[in-house]
Every structure is written in C-alpha cells, then in structure tokens.
C-alpha cells in the first residue's frame, strides 16, 4: 500500500509539474511526492503517543484517523508555512501540498 502512494503521487507530480512549469517557470512538484504520506502520519502519531504513555489523555490514534479533509487542509497550511521560511511561495506550497495529500482521495475505492 505504501508503494502505491509513491506511484500515484509521482504520476500526478509529473503532470502537475509540467503544467505548472509551463505556466510559471517554477516546478514545485517534489512537494506532491513528499506530501504523499501525510495521511499516514497517524501511524507515527499513534505509536508516539503510546511510547510517551499519553494514550490515557485521548482515545488512541489508529490508522485512518488522519484520512479526512480537515487534516489535509491543516497539513497543507503547516507545510506551506514551513516552506515559506525556506523561501518558497506560499500559494505554490499550499497548492502542491494539498494536491499531494489529496491524492489519497483519488486512491480510495
């Protein structure tokens, strides 16, 4: 399943990167591939809370808890702000991080 994330995100990144480069002369398509695993952060977060013994404060985080629009928008916003510190345009970063995380919805069957 994790390998499929890489394949789908690479295919979308190639198409989006070519279209964006033709329009603006910039190619931030690598953000799509880097954001492909954003919905799967719940695997890491759940294990981290377990290791820190913080599961008593909340319900345990399970795989699938971050597979929603709210997390997608939150991730895209945080990624755009972090990449803004690195000198990238805010709109470009947000759009491509959103596409990278949102590509998960295309995989749903």
PDB file of N, CA and C in Angstrom:
ATOM      1  N   UNK A   1       0.815  -1.186   0.000  1.00  0.00           N
ATOM      2  CA  UNK A   1       0.000   0.000   0.000  1.00  0.00           C
ATOM      3  C   UNK A   1       0.865   1.259   0.000  1.00  0.00           C
ATOM      4  N   UNK A   2       1.947   1.270   0.750  1.00  0.00           N
ATOM      5  CA  UNK A   2       2.804   2.446   0.793  1.00  0.00           C
ATOM      6  C   UNK A   2       3.513   2.674  -0.539  1.00  0.00           C
ATOM      7  N   UNK A   3       3.788   1.596  -1.261  1.00  0.00           N
ATOM      8  CA  UNK A   3       4.412   1.731  -2.574  1.00  0.00           C
ATOM      9  C   UNK A   3       3.446   2.380  -3.574  1.00  0.00           C
ATOM     10  N   UNK A   4       2.148   2.075  -3.427  1.00  0.00           N
ATOM     11  CA  UNK A   4       1.141   2.694  -4.289  1.00  0.00           C
ATOM     12  C   UNK A   4       1.108   4.200  -4.102  1.00  0.00           C
ATOM     13  N   UNK A   5       1.314   4.668  -2.869  1.00  0.00           N
ATOM     14  CA  UNK A   5       1.349   6.108  -2.621  1.00  0.00           C
ATOM     15  C   UNK A   5       2.433   6.761  -3.474  1.00  0.00           C
ATOM     16  N   UNK A   6       3.581   6.130  -3.532  1.00  0.00           N
ATOM     17  CA  UNK A   6       4.692   6.666  -4.303  1.00  0.00           C
ATOM     18  C   UNK A   6       4.377   6.686  -5.795  1.00  0.00           C
ATOM     19  N   UNK A   7       3.791   5.627  -6.304  1.00  0.00           N
ATOM     20  CA  UNK A   7       3.479   5.539  -7.734  1.00  0.00           C
ATOM     21  C   UNK A   7       2.442   6.583  -8.129  1.00  0.00           C
ATOM     22  N   UNK A   8       1.325   6.651  -7.382  1.00  0.00           N
ATOM     23  CA  UNK A   8       0.275   7.609  -7.706  1.00  0.00           C
ATOM     24  C   UNK A   8       0.769   9.046  -7.590  1.00  0.00           C
ATOM     25  N   UNK A   9       1.492   9.342  -6.525  1.00  0.00           N
ATOM     26  CA  UNK A   9       1.943  10.719  -6.329  1.00  0.00           C
ATOM     27  C   UNK A   9       2.975  11.123  -7.385  1.00  0.00           C
ATOM     28  N   UNK A  10       3.808  10.205  -7.810  1.00  0.00           N
ATOM     29  CA  UNK A  10       4.783  10.517  -8.851  1.00  0.00           C
ATOM     30  C   UNK A  10       4.086  10.814 -10.174  1.00  0.00           C
ATOM     31  N   UNK A  11       3.082  10.034 -10.509  1.00  0.00           N
ATOM     32  CA  UNK A  11       2.345  10.269 -11.753  1.00  0.00           C
ATOM     33  C   UNK A  11       1.648  11.628 -11.730  1.00  0.00           C
ATOM     34  N   UNK A  12       1.018  11.955 -10.619  1.00  0.00           N
ATOM     35  CA  UNK A  12       0.336  13.248 -10.507  1.00  0.00           C
ATOM     36  C   UNK A  12       1.358  14.379 -10.486  1.00  0.00           C
ATOM     37  N   UNK A  13       2.488  14.174  -9.824  1.00  0.00           N
ATOM     38  CA  UNK A  13       3.522  15.208  -9.751  1.00  0.00           C
ATOM     39  C   UNK A  13       4.112  15.515 -11.124  1.00  0.00           C
ATOM     40  N   UNK A  14       4.273  14.519 -11.949  1.00  0.00           N
ATOM     41  CA  UNK A  14       4.816  14.746 -13.298  1.00  0.00           C
ATOM     42  C   UNK A  14       3.871  15.622 -14.107  1.00  0.00           C
ATOM     43  N   UNK A  15       2.597  15.281 -14.080  1.00  0.00           N
ATOM     44  CA  UNK A  15       1.615  16.055 -14.850  1.00  0.00           C
ATOM     45  C   UNK A  15       1.482  17.468 -14.290  1.00  0.00           C
ATOM     46  N   UNK A  16       1.294  17.590 -12.988  1.00  0.00           N
ATOM     47  CA  UNK A  16       1.127  18.909 -12.374  1.00  0.00           C
ATOM     48  C   UNK A  16       2.391  19.753 -12.531  1.00  0.00           C
ATOM     49  N   UNK A  17       3.544  19.128 -12.388  1.00  0.00           N
ATOM     50  CA  UNK A  17       4.804  19.850 -12.531  1.00  0.00           C
ATOM     51  C   UNK A  17       5.007  20.393 -13.935  1.00  0.00           C
ATOM     52  N   UNK A  18       4.658  19.606 -14.944  1.00  0.00           N
ATOM     53  CA  UNK A  18       4.797  20.082 -16.322  1.00  0.00           C
ATOM     54  C   UNK A  18       3.860  21.253 -16.602  1.00  0.00           C
ATOM     55  N   UNK A  19       2.615  21.139 -16.154  1.00  0.00           N
ATOM     56  CA  UNK A  19       1.655  22.216 -16.380  1.00  0.00           C
ATOM     57  C   UNK A  19       2.062  23.487 -15.627  1.00  0.00           C
ATOM     58  N   UNK A  20       2.495  23.334 -14.383  1.00  0.00           N
ATOM     59  CA  UNK A  20       2.873  24.492 -13.576  1.00  0.00           C
ATOM     60  C   UNK A  20       4.139  25.148 -14.112  1.00  0.00           C
ATOM     61  N   UNK A  21       5.098  24.335 -14.566  1.00  0.00           N
ATOM     62  CA  UNK A  21       6.343  24.872 -15.107  1.00  0.00           C
ATOM     63  C   UNK A  21       6.083  25.655 -16.387  1.00  0.00           C
ATOM     64  N   UNK A  22       5.189  25.151 -17.220  1.00  0.00           N
ATOM     65  CA  UNK A  22       4.864  25.856 -18.460  1.00  0.00           C
ATOM     66  C   UNK A  22       4.213  27.201 -18.158  1.00  0.00           C
ATOM     67  N   UNK A  23       3.414  27.248 -17.102  1.00  0.00           N
ATOM     68  CA  UNK A  23       2.690  28.478 -16.755  1.00  0.00           C
ATOM     69  C   UNK A  23       3.557  29.492 -16.019  1.00  0.00           C
ATOM     70  N   UNK A  24       4.379  29.011 -15.075  1.00  0.00           N
ATOM     71  CA  UNK A  24       5.098  29.941 -14.196  1.00  0.00           C
ATOM     72  C   UNK A  24       6.620  29.885 -14.307  1.00  0.00           C
ATOM     73  N   UNK A  25       7.162  28.810 -14.843  1.00  0.00           N
ATOM     74  CA  UNK A  25       8.617  28.672 -14.895  1.00  0.00           C
ATOM     75  C   UNK A  25       9.201  28.060 -13.635  1.00  0.00           C
ATOM     76  N   UNK A  26       8.325  27.681 -12.688  1.00  0.00           N
ATOM     77  CA  UNK A  26       8.763  27.021 -11.440  1.00  0.00           C
ATOM     78  C   UNK A  26       8.177  25.619 -11.408  1.00  0.00           C
ATOM     79  N   UNK A  27       8.898  24.710 -10.767  1.00  0.00           N
ATOM     80  CA  UNK A  27       8.421  23.329 -10.691  1.00  0.00           C
ATOM     81  C   UNK A  27       8.507  22.813  -9.248  1.00  0.00           C
ATOM     82  N   UNK A  28       7.485  23.074  -8.434  1.00  0.00           N
ATOM     83  CA  UNK A  28       7.499  22.555  -7.057  1.00  0.00           C
ATOM     84  C   UNK A  28       6.813  21.190  -6.938  1.00  0.00           C
ATOM     85  N   UNK A  29       6.906  20.381  -7.983  1.00  0.00           N
ATOM     86  CA  UNK A  29       6.184  19.104  -7.978  1.00  0.00           C
ATOM     87  C   UNK A  29       6.740  18.116  -6.949  1.00  0.00           C
ATOM     88  N   UNK A  30       7.956  18.332  -6.490  1.00  0.00           N
ATOM     89  CA  UNK A  30       8.523  17.439  -5.475  1.00  0.00           C
ATOM     90  C   UNK A  30       7.702  17.479  -4.187  1.00  0.00           C
ATOM     91  N   UNK A  31       6.975  18.579  -3.974  1.00  0.00           N
ATOM     92  CA  UNK A  31       6.145  18.701  -2.773  1.00  0.00           C
ATOM     93  C   UNK A  31       5.020  17.672  -2.795  1.00  0.00           C
ATOM     94  N   UNK A  32       4.504  17.365  -3.974  1.00  0.00           N
ATOM     95  CA  UNK A  32       3.444  16.363  -4.087  1.00  0.00           C
ATOM     96  C   UNK A  32       3.950  15.008  -3.615  1.00  0.00           C
ATOM     97  N   UNK A  33       5.128  14.643  -4.056  1.00  0.00           N
ATOM     98  CA  UNK A  33       5.688  13.342  -3.669  1.00  0.00           C
ATOM     99  C   UNK A  33       6.010  13.327  -2.178  1.00  0.00           C
ATOM    100  N   UNK A  34       6.545  14.431  -1.669  1.00  0.00           N
ATOM    101  CA  UNK A  34       6.857  14.499  -0.237  1.00  0.00           C
ATOM    102  C   UNK A  34       5.593  14.465   0.616  1.00  0.00           C
ATOM    103  N   UNK A  35       4.499  14.996   0.098  1.00  0.00           N
ATOM    104  CA  UNK A  35       3.235  15.040   0.850  1.00  0.00           C
ATOM    105  C   UNK A  35       2.399  13.779   0.682  1.00  0.00           C
ATOM    106  N   UNK A  36       2.864  12.848  -0.096  1.00  0.00           N
ATOM    107  CA  UNK A  36       2.069  11.654  -0.386  1.00  0.00           C
ATOM    108  C   UNK A  36       1.767  10.833   0.857  1.00  0.00           C
ATOM    109  N   UNK A  37       2.639  10.913   1.830  1.00  0.00           N
ATOM    110  CA  UNK A  37       2.468  10.087   3.026  1.00  0.00           C
ATOM    111  C   UNK A  37       1.858  10.852   4.194  1.00  0.00           C
ATOM    112  N   UNK A  38       1.391  12.067   3.959  1.00  0.00           N
ATOM    113  CA  UNK A  38       0.818  12.892   5.029  1.00  0.00           C
ATOM    114  C   UNK A  38      -0.355  12.221   5.746  1.00  0.00           C
ATOM    115  N   UNK A  39      -1.326  11.620   5.044  1.00  0.00           N
ATOM    116  CA  UNK A  39      -2.415  10.975   5.778  1.00  0.00           C
ATOM    117  C   UNK A  39      -1.966   9.784   6.629  1.00  0.00           C
ATOM    118  N   UNK A  40      -0.791   9.255   6.335  1.00  0.00           N
ATOM    119  CA  UNK A  40      -0.298   8.111   7.096  1.00  0.00           C
ATOM    120  C   UNK A  40       0.519   8.520   8.316  1.00  0.00           C
ATOM    121  N   UNK A  41       0.558   9.810   8.639  1.00  0.00           N
ATOM    122  CA  UNK A  41       1.211  10.258   9.867  1.00  0.00           C
ATOM    123  C   UNK A  41       0.517   9.694  11.099  1.00  0.00           C
ATOM    124  N   UNK A  42      -0.718   9.225  10.920  1.00  0.00           N
ATOM    125  CA  UNK A  42      -1.434   8.669  12.070  1.00  0.00           C
ATOM    126  C   UNK A  42      -0.755   7.405  12.595  1.00  0.00           C
ATOM    127  N   UNK A  43      -0.055   6.689  11.739  1.00  0.00           N
ATOM    128  CA  UNK A  43       0.709   5.526  12.201  1.00  0.00           C
ATOM    129  C   UNK A  43       1.801   5.955  13.168  1.00  0.00           C
ATOM    130  N   UNK A  44       2.512   7.015  12.813  1.00  0.00           N
ATOM    131  CA  UNK A  44       3.602   7.526  13.648  1.00  0.00           C
ATOM    132  C   UNK A  44       3.048   8.176  14.919  1.00  0.00           C
ATOM    133  N   UNK A  45       1.988   8.977  14.764  1.00  0.00           N
ATOM    134  CA  UNK A  45       1.416   9.681  15.917  1.00  0.00           C
ATOM    135  C   UNK A  45       0.876   8.706  16.955  1.00  0.00           C
ATOM    136  N   UNK A  46       0.221   7.657  16.497  1.00  0.00           N
ATOM    137  CA  UNK A  46      -0.309   6.661  17.424  1.00  0.00           C
ATOM    138  C   UNK A  46       0.786   5.968  18.211  1.00  0.00           C
ATOM    139  N   UNK A  47       1.848   5.594  17.529  1.00  0.00           N
ATOM    140  CA  UNK A  47       2.970   4.936  18.195  1.00  0.00           C
ATOM    141  C   UNK A  47       3.696   5.891  19.137  1.00  0.00           C
ATOM    142  N   UNK A  48       3.827   7.144  18.730  1.00  0.00           N
ATOM    143  CA  UNK A  48       4.491   8.132  19.576  1.00  0.00           C
ATOM    144  C   UNK A  48       3.716   8.364  20.865  1.00  0.00           C
ATOM    145  N   UNK A  49       2.400   8.487  20.758  1.00  0.00           N
ATOM    146  CA  UNK A  49       1.582   8.656  21.962  1.00  0.00           C
ATOM    147  C   UNK A  49       1.669   7.438  22.868  1.00  0.00           C
ATOM    148  N   UNK A  50       1.744   6.255  22.251  1.00  0.00           N
ATOM    149  CA  UNK A  50       1.871   5.030  23.038  1.00  0.00           C
ATOM    150  C   UNK A  50       3.206   5.002  23.789  1.00  0.00           C
ATOM    151  N   UNK A  51       4.283   5.384  23.094  1.00  0.00           N
ATOM    152  CA  UNK A  51       5.616   5.392  23.718  1.00  0.00           C
ATOM    153  C   UNK A  51       5.698   6.415  24.843  1.00  0.00           C
ATOM    154  N   UNK A  52       5.051   7.558  24.660  1.00  0.00           N
ATOM    155  CA  UNK A  52       5.067   8.605  25.681  1.00  0.00           C
ATOM    156  C   UNK A  52       4.017   8.375  26.757  1.00  0.00           C
ATOM    157  N   UNK A  53       3.292   7.287  26.642  1.00  0.00           N
ATOM    158  CA  UNK A  53       2.246   6.918  27.590  1.00  0.00           C
ATOM    159  C   UNK A  53       1.200   8.029  27.735  1.00  0.00           C
ATOM    160  N   UNK A  54       0.804   8.592  26.593  1.00  0.00           N
ATOM    161  CA  UNK A  54      -0.188   9.664  26.592  1.00  0.00           C
ATOM    162  C   UNK A  54      -1.535   9.204  26.054  1.00  0.00           C
ATOM    163  N   UNK A  55      -1.689   7.908  25.834  1.00  0.00           N
ATOM    164  CA  UNK A  55      -2.967   7.397  25.351  1.00  0.00           C
ATOM    165  C   UNK A  55      -4.065   7.527  26.393  1.00  0.00           C
ATOM    166  N   UNK A  56      -3.701   7.731  27.642  1.00  0.00           N
ATOM    167  CA  UNK A  56      -4.722   7.878  28.670  1.00  0.00           C
ATOM    168  C   UNK A  56      -5.417   9.229  28.582  1.00  0.00           C
ATOM    169  N   UNK A  57      -4.770  10.203  27.898  1.00  0.00           N
ATOM    170  CA  UNK A  57      -5.353  11.524  27.766  1.00  0.00           C
ATOM    171  C   UNK A  57      -6.381  11.608  26.652  1.00  0.00           C
ATOM    172  N   UNK A  58      -6.215  10.804  25.618  1.00  0.00           N
ATOM    173  CA  UNK A  58      -7.110  10.825  24.468  1.00  0.00           C
ATOM    174  C   UNK A  58      -7.457   9.400  24.072  1.00  0.00           C
ATOM    175  N   UNK A  59      -8.344   9.281  23.129  1.00  0.00           N
ATOM    176  CA  UNK A  59      -8.567   7.953  22.560  1.00  0.00           C
ATOM    177  C   UNK A  59      -7.364   7.624  21.687  1.00  0.00           C
ATOM    178  N   UNK A  60      -6.984   6.385  21.618  1.00  0.00           N
ATOM    179  CA  UNK A  60      -5.809   6.026  20.818  1.00  0.00           C
ATOM    180  C   UNK A  60      -5.996   6.400  19.347  1.00  0.00           C
ATOM    181  N   UNK A  61      -4.936   6.896  18.742  1.00  0.00           N
ATOM    182  CA  UNK A  61      -4.969   7.231  17.323  1.00  0.00           C
ATOM    183  C   UNK A  61      -4.717   5.959  16.536  1.00  0.00           C
ATOM    184  N   UNK A  62      -5.621   5.660  15.636  1.00  0.00           N
ATOM    185  CA  UNK A  62      -5.495   4.469  14.794  1.00  0.00           C
ATOM    186  C   UNK A  62      -5.284   4.895  13.345  1.00  0.00           C
ATOM    187  N   UNK A  63      -4.828   3.944  12.533  1.00  0.00           N
ATOM    188  CA  UNK A  63      -4.649   4.222  11.110  1.00  0.00           C
ATOM    189  C   UNK A  63      -6.002   4.543  10.483  1.00  0.00           C
ATOM    190  N   UNK A  64      -6.047   5.646   9.784  1.00  0.00           N
ATOM    191  CA  UNK A  64      -7.274   6.100   9.165  1.00  0.00           C
ATOM    192  C   UNK A  64      -7.849   7.339   9.827  1.00  0.00           C
ATOM    193  N   UNK A  65      -7.354   7.682  11.001  1.00  0.00           N
ATOM    194  CA  UNK A  65      -7.867   8.857  11.707  1.00  0.00           C
ATOM    195  C   UNK A  65      -7.496  10.168  11.016  1.00  0.00           C
ATOM    196  N   UNK A  66      -6.405  10.181  10.280  1.00  0.00           N
ATOM    197  CA  UNK A  66      -5.976  11.402   9.600  1.00  0.00           C
ATOM    198  C   UNK A  66      -6.401  11.427   8.137  1.00  0.00           C
ATOM    199  N   UNK A  67      -7.205  10.472   7.722  1.00  0.00           N
ATOM    200  CA  UNK A  67      -7.655  10.424   6.328  1.00  0.00           C
ATOM    201  C   UNK A  67      -8.940  11.227   6.163  1.00  0.00           C
ATOM    202  N   UNK A  68      -8.834  12.548   6.311  1.00  0.00           N
ATOM    203  CA  UNK A  68     -10.003  13.409   6.154  1.00  0.00           C
ATOM    204  C   UNK A  68      -9.579  14.782   5.654  1.00  0.00           C
ATOM    205  N   UNK A  69     -10.561  15.576   5.253  1.00  0.00           N
ATOM    206  CA  UNK A  69     -10.299  16.890   4.673  1.00  0.00           C
ATOM    207  C   UNK A  69      -9.677  17.849   5.695  1.00  0.00           C
ATOM    208  N   UNK A  70     -10.104  17.768   6.936  1.00  0.00           N
ATOM    209  CA  UNK A  70      -9.590  18.687   7.961  1.00  0.00           C
ATOM    210  C   UNK A  70      -8.081  18.506   8.132  1.00  0.00           C
ATOM    211  N   UNK A  71      -7.626  17.260   8.233  1.00  0.00           N
ATOM    212  CA  UNK A  71      -6.192  17.030   8.372  1.00  0.00           C
ATOM    213  C   UNK A  71      -5.456  17.446   7.110  1.00  0.00           C
ATOM    214  N   UNK A  72      -6.059  17.201   5.959  1.00  0.00           N
ATOM    215  CA  UNK A  72      -5.434  17.582   4.700  1.00  0.00           C
ATOM    216  C   UNK A  72      -5.183  19.087   4.645  1.00  0.00           C
ATOM    217  N   UNK A  73      -6.173  19.879   5.005  1.00  0.00           N
ATOM    218  CA  UNK A  73      -6.010  21.328   4.987  1.00  0.00           C
ATOM    219  C   UNK A  73      -5.030  21.806   6.056  1.00  0.00           C
ATOM    220  N   UNK A  74      -5.072  21.177   7.223  1.00  0.00           N
ATOM    221  CA  UNK A  74      -4.124  21.525   8.287  1.00  0.00           C
ATOM    222  C   UNK A  74      -2.691  21.217   7.855  1.00  0.00           C
ATOM    223  N   UNK A  75      -2.487  20.049   7.265  1.00  0.00           N
ATOM    224  CA  UNK A  75      -1.156  19.673   6.795  1.00  0.00           C
ATOM    225  C   UNK A  75      -0.666  20.625   5.707  1.00  0.00           C
ATOM    226  N   UNK A  76      -1.523  20.940   4.748  1.00  0.00           N
ATOM    227  CA  UNK A  76      -1.127  21.835   3.652  1.00  0.00           C
ATOM    228  C   UNK A  76      -0.766  23.218   4.181  1.00  0.00           C
ATOM    229  N   UNK A  77      -1.499  23.693   5.165  1.00  0.00           N
ATOM    230  CA  UNK A  77      -1.204  25.007   5.745  1.00  0.00           C
ATOM    231  C   UNK A  77       0.136  24.998   6.467  1.00  0.00           C
ATOM    232  N   UNK A  78       0.373  23.993   7.290  1.00  0.00           N
ATOM    233  CA  UNK A  78       1.643  23.900   8.023  1.00  0.00           C
ATOM    234  C   UNK A  78       2.810  23.721   7.048  1.00  0.00           C
ATOM    235  N   UNK A  79       2.638  22.877   6.052  1.00  0.00           N
ATOM    236  CA  UNK A  79       3.703  22.664   5.069  1.00  0.00           C
ATOM    237  C   UNK A  79       4.008  23.947   4.307  1.00  0.00           C
ATOM    238  N   UNK A  80       2.960  24.687   3.926  1.00  0.00           N
ATOM    239  CA  UNK A  80       3.163  25.945   3.201  1.00  0.00           C
ATOM    240  C   UNK A  80       3.895  26.964   4.061  1.00  0.00           C
ATOM    241  N   UNK A  81       3.549  27.036   5.339  1.00  0.00           N
ATOM    242  CA  UNK A  81       4.224  27.989   6.224  1.00  0.00           C
ATOM    243  C   UNK A  81       5.681  27.608   6.450  1.00  0.00           C
ATOM    244  N   UNK A  82       5.958  26.331   6.589  1.00  0.00           N
ATOM    245  CA  UNK A  82       7.343  25.880   6.771  1.00  0.00           C
ATOM    246  C   UNK A  82       8.151  26.131   5.494  1.00  0.00           C
ATOM    247  N   UNK A  83       7.557  25.819   4.340  1.00  0.00           N
ATOM    248  CA  UNK A  83       8.272  26.040   3.083  1.00  0.00           C
ATOM    249  C   UNK A  83       8.426  27.529   2.773  1.00  0.00           C
ATOM    250  N   UNK A  84       7.533  28.345   3.312  1.00  0.00           N
ATOM    251  CA  UNK A  84       7.661  29.803   3.157  1.00  0.00           C
ATOM    252  C   UNK A  84       8.931  30.289   3.850  1.00  0.00           C
ATOM    253  N   UNK A  85       9.255  29.687   4.980  1.00  0.00           N
ATOM    254  CA  UNK A  85      10.501  30.032   5.680  1.00  0.00           C
ATOM    255  C   UNK A  85      11.722  29.678   4.843  1.00  0.00           C
ATOM    256  N   UNK A  86      11.563  28.673   3.981  1.00  0.00           N
ATOM    257  CA  UNK A  86      12.662  28.259   3.111  1.00  0.00           C
ATOM    258  C   UNK A  86      12.712  29.075   1.820  1.00  0.00           C
ATOM    259  N   UNK A  87      11.767  30.025   1.659  1.00  0.00           N
ATOM    260  CA  UNK A  87      11.807  30.906   0.505  1.00  0.00           C
ATOM    261  C   UNK A  87      10.862  30.552  -0.623  1.00  0.00           C
ATOM    262  N   UNK A  88      10.028  29.569  -0.441  1.00  0.00           N
ATOM    263  CA  UNK A  88       9.072  29.203  -1.494  1.00  0.00           C
ATOM    264  C   UNK A  88       7.827  30.070  -1.386  1.00  0.00           C
ATOM    265  N   UNK A  89       7.120  30.190  -2.477  1.00  0.00           N
ATOM    266  CA  UNK A  89       5.882  30.968  -2.473  1.00  0.00           C
ATOM    267  C   UNK A  89       4.815  30.228  -1.693  1.00  0.00           C
ATOM    268  N   UNK A  90       4.069  30.977  -0.906  1.00  0.00           N
ATOM    269  CA  UNK A  90       3.056  30.392  -0.033  1.00  0.00           C
ATOM    270  C   UNK A  90       1.963  29.679  -0.830  1.00  0.00           C
ATOM    271  N   UNK A  91       1.466  30.309  -1.858  1.00  0.00           N
ATOM    272  CA  UNK A  91       0.395  29.724  -2.666  1.00  0.00           C
ATOM    273  C   UNK A  91       0.825  28.452  -3.378  1.00  0.00           C
ATOM    274  N   UNK A  92       2.035  28.478  -3.944  1.00  0.00           N
ATOM    275  CA  UNK A  92       2.551  27.289  -4.621  1.00  0.00           C
ATOM    276  C   UNK A  92       2.686  26.127  -3.650  1.00  0.00           C
ATOM    277  N   UNK A  93       3.270  26.409  -2.498  1.00  0.00           N
ATOM    278  CA  UNK A  93       3.487  25.356  -1.494  1.00  0.00           C
ATOM    279  C   UNK A  93       2.163  24.781  -1.008  1.00  0.00           C
ATOM    280  N   UNK A  94       1.204  25.660  -0.723  1.00  0.00           N
ATOM    281  CA  UNK A  94      -0.089  25.196  -0.237  1.00  0.00           C
ATOM    282  C   UNK A  94      -0.786  24.338  -1.287  1.00  0.00           C
ATOM    283  N   UNK A  95      -0.800  24.815  -2.527  1.00  0.00           N
ATOM    284  CA  UNK A  95      -1.474  24.077  -3.596  1.00  0.00           C
ATOM    285  C   UNK A  95      -0.857  22.697  -3.795  1.00  0.00           C
ATOM    286  N   UNK A  96       0.449  22.626  -3.886  1.00  0.00           N
ATOM    287  CA  UNK A  96       1.090  21.345  -4.158  1.00  0.00           C
ATOM    288  C   UNK A  96       1.062  20.414  -2.946  1.00  0.00           C
ATOM    289  N   UNK A  97       1.123  20.944  -1.738  1.00  0.00           N
ATOM    290  CA  UNK A  97       0.971  20.098  -0.550  1.00  0.00           C
ATOM    291  C   UNK A  97      -0.451  19.565  -0.462  1.00  0.00           C
ATOM    292  N   UNK A  98      -1.411  20.389  -0.856  1.00  0.00           N
ATOM    293  CA  UNK A  98      -2.805  19.964  -0.870  1.00  0.00           C
ATOM    294  C   UNK A  98      -3.035  18.891  -1.928  1.00  0.00           C
ATOM    295  N   UNK A  99      -2.436  19.052  -3.081  1.00  0.00           N
ATOM    296  CA  UNK A  99      -2.555  18.034  -4.129  1.00  0.00           C
ATOM    297  C   UNK A  99      -1.908  16.732  -3.656  1.00  0.00           C
ATOM    298  N   UNK A 100      -0.741  16.835  -3.023  1.00  0.00           N
ATOM    299  CA  UNK A 100      -0.042  15.639  -2.548  1.00  0.00           C
ATOM    300  C   UNK A 100      -0.826  14.877  -1.503  1.00  0.00           C
ATOM    301  N   UNK A 101      -1.403  15.582  -0.552  1.00  0.00           N
ATOM    302  CA  UNK A 101      -2.225  14.911   0.449  1.00  0.00           C
ATOM    303  C   UNK A 101      -3.565  14.485  -0.108  1.00  0.00           C
ATOM    304  N   UNK A 102      -4.136  15.289  -0.991  1.00  0.00           N
ATOM    305  CA  UNK A 102      -5.443  14.988  -1.568  1.00  0.00           C
ATOM    306  C   UNK A 102      -5.412  13.864  -2.576  1.00  0.00           C
ATOM    307  N   UNK A 103      -4.254  13.512  -3.053  1.00  0.00           N
ATOM    308  CA  UNK A 103      -4.129  12.412  -3.993  1.00  0.00           C
ATOM    309  C   UNK A 103      -4.622  11.115  -3.348  1.00  0.00           C
ATOM    310  N   UNK A 104      -4.632  11.107  -2.032  1.00  0.00           N
ATOM    311  CA  UNK A 104      -5.138   9.921  -1.320  1.00  0.00           C
ATOM    312  C   UNK A 104      -6.589   9.675  -1.647  1.00  0.00           C
ATOM    313  N   UNK A 105      -7.354  10.746  -1.831  1.00  0.00           N
ATOM    314  CA  UNK A 105      -8.777  10.591  -2.123  1.00  0.00           C
ATOM    315  C   UNK A 105      -8.997   9.981  -3.496  1.00  0.00           C
ATOM    316  N   UNK A 106      -8.044  10.145  -4.404  1.00  0.00           N
ATOM    317  CA  UNK A 106      -8.157   9.519  -5.717  1.00  0.00           C
ATOM    318  C   UNK A 106      -7.923   8.004  -5.632  1.00  0.00           C
ATOM    319  N   UNK A 107      -7.161   7.580  -4.644  1.00  0.00           N
ATOM    320  CA  UNK A 107      -6.881   6.162  -4.485  1.00  0.00           C
ATOM    321  C   UNK A 107      -8.021   5.399  -3.840  1.00  0.00           C
ATOM    322  N   UNK A 108      -8.920   6.127  -3.146  1.00  0.00           N
ATOM    323  CA  UNK A 108     -10.000   5.447  -2.434  1.00  0.00           C
ATOM    324  C   UNK A 108     -10.871   4.675  -3.413  1.00  0.00           C
ATOM    325  N   UNK A 109     -11.250   3.501  -2.999  1.00  0.00           N
ATOM    326  CA  UNK A 109     -12.122   2.687  -3.837  1.00  0.00           C
ATOM    327  C   UNK A 109     -13.414   2.455  -3.123  1.00  0.00           C
TER     328      UNK A 109
END
